[in-house]
Amino acid sequence: MSNEQKPTSSAAEIMHRRYIKGKKKRLKYIEQERKRVEIAQKIYELRAQVNLTQQELAERIGTRQSVISRLESADYYGHTLKMLNKIASAVHCDVKVEFIPQNGRLAYVG
């Protein structure tokens, strides 16, 4: 196989090759952003699944509707385990935290 890149007309692939591929800091930043957005999306989906408004969920956990709105925002950076547990408890759920090895395997760091 050749090391040459195959031509593409995909804008996403072109942008990836030009600005992301091989750039560790950018890749790390993108992964952190993906995780943050995923948390916000999961909060929204959980609330919608149990048919609660933001105001109703806020009342259940003793906060304001604007706090719930912020937690569901893709631009929010302050998610805490304490708040996630409050939300989960309000809808009779538990929070599950997983540690997933990078590159598919655990590595000793010493």
N, C-alpha and C. Protein backbone atom coordinates (compact mmCIF):
# COMPACT_ATOMS: atom_id res chain seq x y z
N MET A 1 0.83 -1.19 0.00
CA MET A 1 0.00 0.00 0.00
C MET A 1 0.87 1.24 0.00
N SER A 2 0.40 2.24 -0.65
CA SER A 2 1.11 3.50 -0.76
C SER A 2 0.79 4.39 0.44
N ASN A 3 1.73 5.26 0.80
CA ASN A 3 1.50 6.21 1.88
C ASN A 3 0.75 7.44 1.40
N GLU A 4 0.50 7.53 0.10
CA GLU A 4 -0.19 8.68 -0.45
C GLU A 4 -1.66 8.67 -0.04
N GLN A 5 -2.18 9.86 0.16
CA GLN A 5 -3.59 9.97 0.50
C GLN A 5 -4.43 9.89 -0.77
N LYS A 6 -5.54 9.18 -0.66
CA LYS A 6 -6.45 9.09 -1.79
C LYS A 6 -7.20 10.41 -1.91
N PRO A 7 -7.44 10.87 -3.13
CA PRO A 7 -8.21 12.10 -3.31
C PRO A 7 -9.62 11.94 -2.73
N THR A 8 -10.15 13.04 -2.23
CA THR A 8 -11.50 13.01 -1.68
C THR A 8 -12.21 14.31 -2.01
N SER A 9 -13.51 14.24 -2.07
CA SER A 9 -14.31 15.46 -2.25
C SER A 9 -15.08 15.78 -0.98
N SER A 10 -14.87 14.98 0.06
CA SER A 10 -15.56 15.19 1.33
C SER A 10 -14.94 16.38 2.06
N ALA A 11 -15.76 17.40 2.30
CA ALA A 11 -15.26 18.58 3.00
C ALA A 11 -14.76 18.23 4.39
N ALA A 12 -15.48 17.32 5.08
CA ALA A 12 -15.07 16.92 6.42
C ALA A 12 -13.70 16.25 6.39
N GLU A 13 -13.48 15.37 5.43
CA GLU A 13 -12.19 14.68 5.32
C GLU A 13 -11.08 15.66 4.97
N ILE A 14 -11.35 16.58 4.09
CA ILE A 14 -10.34 17.59 3.73
C ILE A 14 -9.97 18.43 4.95
N MET A 15 -10.98 18.88 5.70
CA MET A 15 -10.72 19.68 6.90
C MET A 15 -9.95 18.86 7.94
N HIS A 16 -10.34 17.60 8.11
CA HIS A 16 -9.64 16.73 9.07
C HIS A 16 -8.17 16.61 8.69
N ARG A 17 -7.91 16.31 7.44
CA ARG A 17 -6.51 16.16 7.00
C ARG A 17 -5.72 17.44 7.19
N ARG A 18 -6.33 18.56 6.89
CA ARG A 18 -5.62 19.83 6.91
C ARG A 18 -5.39 20.36 8.33
N TYR A 19 -6.40 20.21 9.21
CA TYR A 19 -6.32 20.89 10.50
C TYR A 19 -6.22 20.00 11.72
N ILE A 20 -6.50 18.72 11.59
CA ILE A 20 -6.57 17.87 12.77
C ILE A 20 -5.60 16.70 12.73
N LYS A 21 -5.56 15.97 11.66
CA LYS A 21 -4.78 14.74 11.56
C LYS A 21 -3.33 14.96 11.99
N GLY A 22 -2.90 14.17 12.97
CA GLY A 22 -1.52 14.23 13.45
C GLY A 22 -1.24 15.34 14.45
N LYS A 23 -2.23 16.13 14.79
CA LYS A 23 -2.03 17.24 15.73
C LYS A 23 -2.62 16.84 17.08
N LYS A 24 -1.76 16.35 17.97
CA LYS A 24 -2.21 15.78 19.25
C LYS A 24 -2.99 16.76 20.12
N LYS A 25 -2.57 18.00 20.21
CA LYS A 25 -3.27 18.97 21.05
C LYS A 25 -4.69 19.22 20.52
N ARG A 26 -4.81 19.34 19.22
CA ARG A 26 -6.14 19.56 18.64
C ARG A 26 -7.02 18.33 18.83
N LEU A 27 -6.46 17.16 18.66
CA LEU A 27 -7.23 15.94 18.85
C LEU A 27 -7.71 15.82 20.30
N LYS A 28 -6.84 16.15 21.24
CA LYS A 28 -7.20 16.09 22.66
C LYS A 28 -8.31 17.10 22.97
N TYR A 29 -8.19 18.31 22.43
CA TYR A 29 -9.21 19.34 22.64
C TYR A 29 -10.56 18.88 22.08
N ILE A 30 -10.55 18.34 20.89
CA ILE A 30 -11.79 17.87 20.26
C ILE A 30 -12.43 16.77 21.09
N GLU A 31 -11.64 15.86 21.62
CA GLU A 31 -12.17 14.78 22.46
C GLU A 31 -12.77 15.33 23.75
N GLN A 32 -12.13 16.31 24.36
CA GLN A 32 -12.67 16.92 25.58
C GLN A 32 -14.00 17.62 25.28
N GLU A 33 -14.07 18.31 24.16
CA GLU A 33 -15.30 18.98 23.77
C GLU A 33 -16.41 17.97 23.49
N ARG A 34 -16.07 16.87 22.85
CA ARG A 34 -17.05 15.83 22.55
C ARG A 34 -17.65 15.28 23.85
N LYS A 35 -16.80 15.04 24.84
CA LYS A 35 -17.27 14.51 26.12
C LYS A 35 -18.19 15.50 26.82
N ARG A 36 -17.84 16.78 26.79
CA ARG A 36 -18.63 17.82 27.44
C ARG A 36 -20.02 17.93 26.79
N VAL A 37 -20.03 17.91 25.47
CA VAL A 37 -21.30 17.99 24.73
C VAL A 37 -22.14 16.74 25.00
N GLU A 38 -21.50 15.60 25.10
CA GLU A 38 -22.21 14.35 25.37
C GLU A 38 -22.92 14.39 26.72
N ILE A 39 -22.28 14.96 27.72
CA ILE A 39 -22.90 15.06 29.05
C ILE A 39 -24.14 15.96 28.98
N ALA A 40 -24.01 17.10 28.33
CA ALA A 40 -25.14 18.01 28.19
C ALA A 40 -26.30 17.32 27.47
N GLN A 41 -25.98 16.59 26.42
CA GLN A 41 -27.01 15.88 25.65
C GLN A 41 -27.70 14.81 26.49
N LYS A 42 -26.93 14.10 27.29
CA LYS A 42 -27.50 13.04 28.13
C LYS A 42 -28.44 13.63 29.19
N ILE A 43 -28.10 14.79 29.73
CA ILE A 43 -28.98 15.43 30.71
C ILE A 43 -30.29 15.81 30.03
N TYR A 44 -30.20 16.41 28.86
CA TYR A 44 -31.41 16.79 28.12
C TYR A 44 -32.27 15.56 27.81
N GLU A 45 -31.63 14.51 27.29
CA GLU A 45 -32.37 13.30 26.91
C GLU A 45 -33.04 12.64 28.11
N LEU A 46 -32.36 12.61 29.25
CA LEU A 46 -32.94 12.03 30.46
C LEU A 46 -34.17 12.82 30.89
N ARG A 47 -34.04 14.14 30.90
CA ARG A 47 -35.17 14.99 31.29
C ARG A 47 -36.35 14.81 30.34
N ALA A 48 -36.07 14.77 29.05
CA ALA A 48 -37.13 14.59 28.06
C ALA A 48 -37.78 13.21 28.18
N GLN A 49 -36.97 12.21 28.47
CA GLN A 49 -37.46 10.83 28.60
C GLN A 49 -38.48 10.69 29.72
N VAL A 50 -38.31 11.45 30.78
CA VAL A 50 -39.24 11.37 31.90
C VAL A 50 -40.28 12.49 31.86
N ASN A 51 -40.34 13.17 30.73
CA ASN A 51 -41.35 14.21 30.47
C ASN A 51 -41.37 15.33 31.51
N LEU A 52 -40.19 15.82 31.82
CA LEU A 52 -40.11 16.97 32.74
C LEU A 52 -39.66 18.20 31.97
N THR A 53 -40.20 19.35 32.36
CA THR A 53 -39.67 20.60 31.83
C THR A 53 -38.40 20.94 32.60
N GLN A 54 -37.66 21.91 32.11
CA GLN A 54 -36.48 22.35 32.86
C GLN A 54 -36.90 22.89 34.22
N GLN A 55 -38.01 23.60 34.27
CA GLN A 55 -38.50 24.16 35.53
C GLN A 55 -38.86 23.04 36.51
N GLU A 56 -39.53 22.00 36.04
CA GLU A 56 -39.91 20.90 36.92
C GLU A 56 -38.69 20.16 37.47
N LEU A 57 -37.69 19.92 36.61
CA LEU A 57 -36.47 19.26 37.10
C LEU A 57 -35.75 20.15 38.09
N ALA A 58 -35.70 21.44 37.81
CA ALA A 58 -35.05 22.38 38.72
C ALA A 58 -35.71 22.34 40.10
N GLU A 59 -37.02 22.33 40.13
CA GLU A 59 -37.74 22.28 41.41
C GLU A 59 -37.44 20.99 42.16
N ARG A 60 -37.32 19.88 41.45
CA ARG A 60 -37.03 18.60 42.10
C ARG A 60 -35.66 18.58 42.76
N ILE A 61 -34.70 19.32 42.20
CA ILE A 61 -33.34 19.29 42.77
C ILE A 61 -33.00 20.56 43.54
N GLY A 62 -33.96 21.45 43.67
CA GLY A 62 -33.75 22.65 44.48
C GLY A 62 -32.87 23.70 43.84
N THR A 63 -33.09 23.94 42.56
CA THR A 63 -32.31 24.97 41.87
C THR A 63 -33.25 25.75 40.95
N ARG A 64 -32.67 26.60 40.10
CA ARG A 64 -33.45 27.41 39.17
C ARG A 64 -33.45 26.79 37.77
N GLN A 65 -34.45 27.12 36.99
CA GLN A 65 -34.56 26.64 35.61
C GLN A 65 -33.33 27.03 34.80
N SER A 66 -32.79 28.21 35.04
CA SER A 66 -31.62 28.67 34.29
C SER A 66 -30.41 27.76 34.51
N VAL A 67 -30.32 27.14 35.68
CA VAL A 67 -29.22 26.20 35.96
C VAL A 67 -29.37 24.96 35.09
N ILE A 68 -30.60 24.45 34.98
CA ILE A 68 -30.84 23.28 34.14
C ILE A 68 -30.54 23.62 32.68
N SER A 69 -30.97 24.78 32.26
CA SER A 69 -30.69 25.23 30.89
C SER A 69 -29.19 25.25 30.62
N ARG A 70 -28.44 25.79 31.57
CA ARG A 70 -26.98 25.85 31.45
C ARG A 70 -26.37 24.46 31.39
N LEU A 71 -26.86 23.54 32.24
CA LEU A 71 -26.34 22.17 32.26
C LEU A 71 -26.58 21.44 30.93
N GLU A 72 -27.66 21.80 30.26
CA GLU A 72 -28.00 21.17 28.98
C GLU A 72 -27.35 21.88 27.80
N SER A 73 -26.62 22.93 28.05
CA SER A 73 -25.98 23.70 26.99
C SER A 73 -24.67 23.06 26.55
N ALA A 74 -24.45 23.04 25.25
CA ALA A 74 -23.19 22.51 24.70
C ALA A 74 -22.01 23.40 25.07
N ASP A 75 -22.28 24.61 25.53
CA ASP A 75 -21.21 25.55 25.86
C ASP A 75 -20.83 25.56 27.34
N TYR A 76 -21.44 24.69 28.15
CA TYR A 76 -21.22 24.70 29.59
C TYR A 76 -20.06 23.80 29.97
N TYR A 77 -19.22 24.29 30.89
CA TYR A 77 -18.02 23.55 31.30
C TYR A 77 -18.02 23.10 32.75
N GLY A 78 -19.10 23.34 33.50
CA GLY A 78 -19.05 23.12 34.94
C GLY A 78 -19.78 21.91 35.47
N HIS A 79 -19.96 20.88 34.67
CA HIS A 79 -20.66 19.69 35.18
C HIS A 79 -19.89 19.09 36.34
N THR A 80 -20.62 18.76 37.41
CA THR A 80 -19.99 18.12 38.56
C THR A 80 -20.71 16.82 38.85
N LEU A 81 -20.00 15.91 39.46
CA LEU A 81 -20.60 14.63 39.84
C LEU A 81 -21.73 14.87 40.84
N LYS A 82 -21.56 15.83 41.73
CA LYS A 82 -22.60 16.15 42.71
C LYS A 82 -23.90 16.54 42.01
N MET A 83 -23.82 17.41 41.00
CA MET A 83 -25.02 17.84 40.30
C MET A 83 -25.60 16.70 39.46
N LEU A 84 -24.76 15.91 38.82
CA LEU A 84 -25.26 14.77 38.05
C LEU A 84 -25.99 13.79 38.96
N ASN A 85 -25.49 13.58 40.16
CA ASN A 85 -26.16 12.70 41.13
C ASN A 85 -27.52 13.28 41.57
N LYS A 86 -27.59 14.59 41.74
CA LYS A 86 -28.86 15.22 42.10
C LYS A 86 -29.90 15.00 40.99
N ILE A 87 -29.48 15.20 39.76
CA ILE A 87 -30.38 15.02 38.62
C ILE A 87 -30.84 13.57 38.55
N ALA A 88 -29.89 12.66 38.66
CA ALA A 88 -30.22 11.23 38.60
C ALA A 88 -31.19 10.85 39.70
N SER A 89 -30.94 11.30 40.90
CA SER A 89 -31.80 10.98 42.03
C SER A 89 -33.21 11.52 41.83
N ALA A 90 -33.32 12.69 41.23
CA ALA A 90 -34.63 13.32 41.01
C ALA A 90 -35.51 12.52 40.06
N VAL A 91 -34.89 11.70 39.22
CA VAL A 91 -35.66 10.88 38.27
C VAL A 91 -35.48 9.39 38.54
N HIS A 92 -35.04 9.08 39.76
CA HIS A 92 -34.89 7.69 40.22
C HIS A 92 -33.92 6.89 39.35
N CYS A 93 -32.77 7.50 39.11
CA CYS A 93 -31.70 6.85 38.34
C CYS A 93 -30.40 6.92 39.15
N ASP A 94 -29.42 6.20 38.69
CA ASP A 94 -28.07 6.27 39.25
C ASP A 94 -27.13 6.80 38.17
N VAL A 95 -26.03 7.38 38.59
CA VAL A 95 -24.97 7.80 37.67
C VAL A 95 -23.96 6.68 37.60
N LYS A 96 -23.53 6.34 36.41
CA LYS A 96 -22.52 5.30 36.22
C LYS A 96 -21.27 5.95 35.62
N VAL A 97 -20.14 5.75 36.28
CA VAL A 97 -18.86 6.28 35.80
C VAL A 97 -18.03 5.11 35.32
N GLU A 98 -17.47 5.24 34.15
CA GLU A 98 -16.62 4.19 33.61
C GLU A 98 -15.24 4.75 33.30
N PHE A 99 -14.24 3.92 33.49
CA PHE A 99 -12.89 4.25 33.06
C PHE A 99 -12.59 3.35 31.87
N ILE A 100 -12.40 3.96 30.72
CA ILE A 100 -12.18 3.22 29.49
C ILE A 100 -10.73 3.44 29.05
N PRO A 101 -9.96 2.35 28.92
CA PRO A 101 -8.56 2.51 28.54
C PRO A 101 -8.41 3.19 27.18
N GLN A 102 -7.45 4.09 27.11
CA GLN A 102 -7.12 4.70 25.83
C GLN A 102 -6.39 3.67 25.00
N ASN A 103 -6.58 3.69 23.72
CA ASN A 103 -5.93 2.73 22.81
C ASN A 103 -6.30 1.29 23.14
N GLY A 104 -7.39 1.07 23.86
CA GLY A 104 -7.87 -0.27 24.12
C GLY A 104 -7.14 -1.07 25.16
N ARG A 105 -6.19 -0.47 25.88
CA ARG A 105 -5.48 -1.25 26.90
C ARG A 105 -5.03 -0.34 28.04
N LEU A 106 -4.94 -0.92 29.23
CA LEU A 106 -4.44 -0.19 30.38
C LEU A 106 -2.92 -0.13 30.32
N ALA A 107 -2.38 0.94 30.82
CA ALA A 107 -0.93 1.07 30.83
C ALA A 107 -0.49 1.52 32.22
N TYR A 108 0.57 0.93 32.69
CA TYR A 108 1.15 1.32 33.97
C TYR A 108 1.89 2.64 33.78
N VAL A 109 1.59 3.59 34.65
CA VAL A 109 2.28 4.89 34.60
C VAL A 109 3.05 5.00 35.89
N GLY A 110 4.33 4.97 35.78
CA GLY A 110 5.12 5.01 37.01
C GLY A 110 6.40 5.74 36.88
